[in-house]
C-alpha atoms as a PDB file:
ATOM      1  CA  MET A   1     114.002 112.066  46.621  1.00  0.00           C
ATOM      2  CA  ALA A   2     113.764 114.679  49.729  1.00  0.00           C
ATOM      3  CA  GLU A   3     116.503 116.951  50.917  1.00  0.00           C
ATOM      4  CA  VAL A   4     118.691 115.451  53.320  1.00  0.00           C
ATOM      5  CA  LYS A   5     120.296 118.102  55.933  1.00  0.00           C
ATOM      6  CA  HIS A   6     122.493 118.345  59.083  1.00  0.00           C
ATOM      7  CA  LEU A   7     121.357 120.602  61.871  1.00  0.00           C
ATOM      8  CA  LYS A   8     122.765 121.441  64.983  1.00  0.00           C
ATOM      9  CA  ILE A   9     120.616 122.410  67.722  1.00  0.00           C
ATOM     10  CA  THR A  10     120.984 124.127  71.013  1.00  0.00           C
ATOM     11  CA  VAL A  11     117.865 123.925  73.430  1.00  0.00           C
ATOM     12  CA  THR A  12     118.071 126.033  76.366  1.00  0.00           C
ATOM     13  CA  GLY A  13     115.478 126.639  79.370  1.00  0.00           C
ATOM     14  CA  LYS A  14     114.449 123.862  81.938  1.00  0.00           C
ATOM     15  CA  VAL A  15     115.953 121.009  79.805  1.00  0.00           C
ATOM     16  CA  GLN A  16     118.035 118.767  82.029  1.00  0.00           C
ATOM     17  CA  GLY A  17     116.518 116.444  84.407  1.00  0.00           C
ATOM     18  CA  VAL A  18     113.351 116.007  82.615  1.00  0.00           C
ATOM     19  CA  PHE A  19     114.205 113.180  80.328  1.00  0.00           C
ATOM     20  CA  PHE A  20     114.733 115.495  77.066  1.00  0.00           C
ATOM     21  CA  ARG A  21     117.239 113.327  75.997  1.00  0.00           C
ATOM     22  CA  VAL A  22     115.930 109.985  76.063  1.00  0.00           C
ATOM     23  CA  SER A  23     112.617 111.821  74.904  1.00  0.00           C
ATOM     24  CA  THR A  24     114.810 113.363  71.555  1.00  0.00           C
ATOM     25  CA  LYS A  25     116.004 110.030  71.039  1.00  0.00           C
ATOM     26  CA  ALA A  26     112.678 108.174  70.744  1.00  0.00           C
ATOM     27  CA  VAL A  27     111.121 110.898  68.653  1.00  0.00           C
ATOM     28  CA  ALA A  28     114.173 111.035  66.440  1.00  0.00           C
ATOM     29  CA  ASN A  29     113.955 107.030  65.976  1.00  0.00           C
ATOM     30  CA  GLN A  30     110.108 107.377  65.042  1.00  0.00           C
ATOM     31  CA  MET A  31     111.485 110.048  62.432  1.00  0.00           C
ATOM     32  CA  GLY A  32     114.192 108.027  60.967  1.00  0.00           C
ATOM     33  CA  ILE A  33     116.545 110.868  62.115  1.00  0.00           C
ATOM     34  CA  ASN A  34     120.296 110.186  62.692  1.00  0.00           C
ATOM     35  CA  GLY A  35     122.534 111.672  65.188  1.00  0.00           C
ATOM     36  CA  PHE A  36     122.918 112.428  68.882  1.00  0.00           C
ATOM     37  CA  VAL A  37     122.044 114.435  71.844  1.00  0.00           C
ATOM     38  CA  ARG A  38     123.710 115.564  75.238  1.00  0.00           C
ATOM     39  CA  ASN A  39     123.322 117.723  78.108  1.00  0.00           C
ATOM     40  CA  GLU A  40     125.762 120.752  77.928  1.00  0.00           C
ATOM     41  CA  THR A  41     127.797 122.111  81.136  1.00  0.00           C
ATOM     42  CA  ASP A  42     126.080 125.458  80.762  1.00  0.00           C
ATOM     43  CA  GLY A  43     122.566 123.505  81.593  1.00  0.00           C
ATOM     44  CA  SER A  44     121.524 123.447  77.815  1.00  0.00           C
ATOM     45  CA  VAL A  45     120.923 120.603  75.426  1.00  0.00           C
ATOM     46  CA  TYR A  46     122.651 120.159  72.348  1.00  0.00           C
ATOM     47  CA  ILE A  47     121.629 117.860  69.474  1.00  0.00           C
ATOM     48  CA  GLU A  48     123.168 117.157  66.038  1.00  0.00           C
ATOM     49  CA  ALA A  49     120.727 115.458  63.862  1.00  0.00           C
ATOM     50  CA  GLU A  50     120.375 114.423  60.089  1.00  0.00           C
ATOM     51  CA  GLY A  51     117.524 113.714  57.924  1.00  0.00           C
ATOM     52  CA  GLU A  52     114.971 114.784  55.583  1.00  0.00           C
ATOM     53  CA  SER A  53     114.457 118.311  55.904  1.00  0.00           C
ATOM     54  CA  PHE A  54     110.600 117.893  56.621  1.00  0.00           C
ATOM     55  CA  MET A  55     111.384 115.590  59.467  1.00  0.00           C
ATOM     56  CA  LEU A  56     113.990 117.798  60.768  1.00  0.00           C
ATOM     57  CA  ASP A  57     111.236 120.530  60.537  1.00  0.00           C
ATOM     58  CA  GLU A  58     109.112 118.187  62.786  1.00  0.00           C
ATOM     59  CA  LEU A  59     112.179 117.280  65.469  1.00  0.00           C
ATOM     60  CA  VAL A  60     112.469 121.086  65.665  1.00  0.00           C
ATOM     61  CA  ASN A  61     108.717 121.840  66.531  1.00  0.00           C
ATOM     62  CA  TRP A  62     108.980 119.112  69.053  1.00  0.00           C
ATOM     63  CA  CYS A  63     112.012 120.632  70.520  1.00  0.00           C
ATOM     64  CA  LYS A  64     110.391 123.730  71.058  1.00  0.00           C
ATOM     65  CA  GLU A  65     107.903 122.198  73.563  1.00  0.00           C
ATOM     66  CA  GLY A  66     110.111 119.365  74.623  1.00  0.00           C
ATOM     67  CA  PRO A  67     108.915 116.164  76.823  1.00  0.00           C
ATOM     68  CA  ASP A  68     106.531 116.859  80.074  1.00  0.00           C
ATOM     69  CA  GLY A  69     108.467 118.819  82.882  1.00  0.00           C
ATOM     70  CA  ALA A  70     110.649 120.771  80.341  1.00  0.00           C
ATOM     71  CA  LYS A  71     110.208 124.623  80.111  1.00  0.00           C
ATOM     72  CA  VAL A  72     111.963 125.355  76.776  1.00  0.00           C
ATOM     73  CA  GLU A  73     113.040 129.034  76.418  1.00  0.00           C
ATOM     74  CA  GLU A  74     115.011 129.004  73.193  1.00  0.00           C
ATOM     75  CA  VAL A  75     116.112 126.437  70.401  1.00  0.00           C
ATOM     76  CA  GLU A  76     118.727 127.840  68.270  1.00  0.00           C
ATOM     77  CA  LEU A  77     119.517 126.251  64.726  1.00  0.00           C
ATOM     78  CA  VAL A  78     122.796 126.165  62.756  1.00  0.00           C
ATOM     79  CA  GLU A  79     122.877 124.203  59.589  1.00  0.00           C
ATOM     80  CA  GLY A  80     126.290 122.194  59.151  1.00  0.00           C
ATOM     81  CA  GLU A  81     127.872 119.597  56.828  1.00  0.00           C
ATOM     82  CA  LEU A  82     126.356 115.982  56.712  1.00  0.00           C
ATOM     83  CA  LYS A  83     128.378 113.901  58.975  1.00  0.00           C
ATOM     84  CA  ASN A  84     126.479 110.613  58.026  1.00  0.00           C
ATOM     85  CA  HIS A  85     125.641 109.460  61.577  1.00  0.00           C
ATOM     86  CA  LYS A  86     124.281 106.058  61.937  1.00  0.00           C
ATOM     87  CA  GLY A  87     121.562 105.529  64.383  1.00  0.00           C
ATOM     88  CA  PHE A  88     120.700 108.208  67.238  1.00  0.00           C
ATOM     89  CA  GLU A  89     122.789 108.231  70.400  1.00  0.00           C
ATOM     90  CA  VAL A  90     122.548 109.658  73.731  1.00  0.00           C
ATOM     91  CA  LEU A  91     125.694 111.102  74.840  1.00  0.00           C
ATOM     92  CA  LYS A  92     127.306 111.991  78.343  1.00  0.00           C
ATOM     93  CA  LYS A  93     127.465 115.406  79.446  1.00  0.00           C
ATOM     94  CA  GLN A  94     130.377 117.315  77.362  1.00  0.00           C
ATOM     95  CA  LYS A  95     133.309 117.697  79.520  1.00  0.00           C
ATOM     96  CA  SER A  96     134.052 121.432  80.291  1.00  0.00           C
END
């Protein structure tokens, strides 16, 4: 059985207003990854993702490019505790 991991991913650059969240959800759904994605007030995109480690690697690789129109500068990863997310959601911007 493949190892299941939880990643906290912060993507910086021109990543808001380019359908990054919706595109991330579509990619995550294709890969069977659970979690959420939201815009942050600092202009970044924050993702919490849970799934098989090799699928998370694929998601991270996708995040380094993003959808058309995105200009990704950096992808920061932090491994976290499993939260057993169900499905993958697009959330509203975090309150400042």
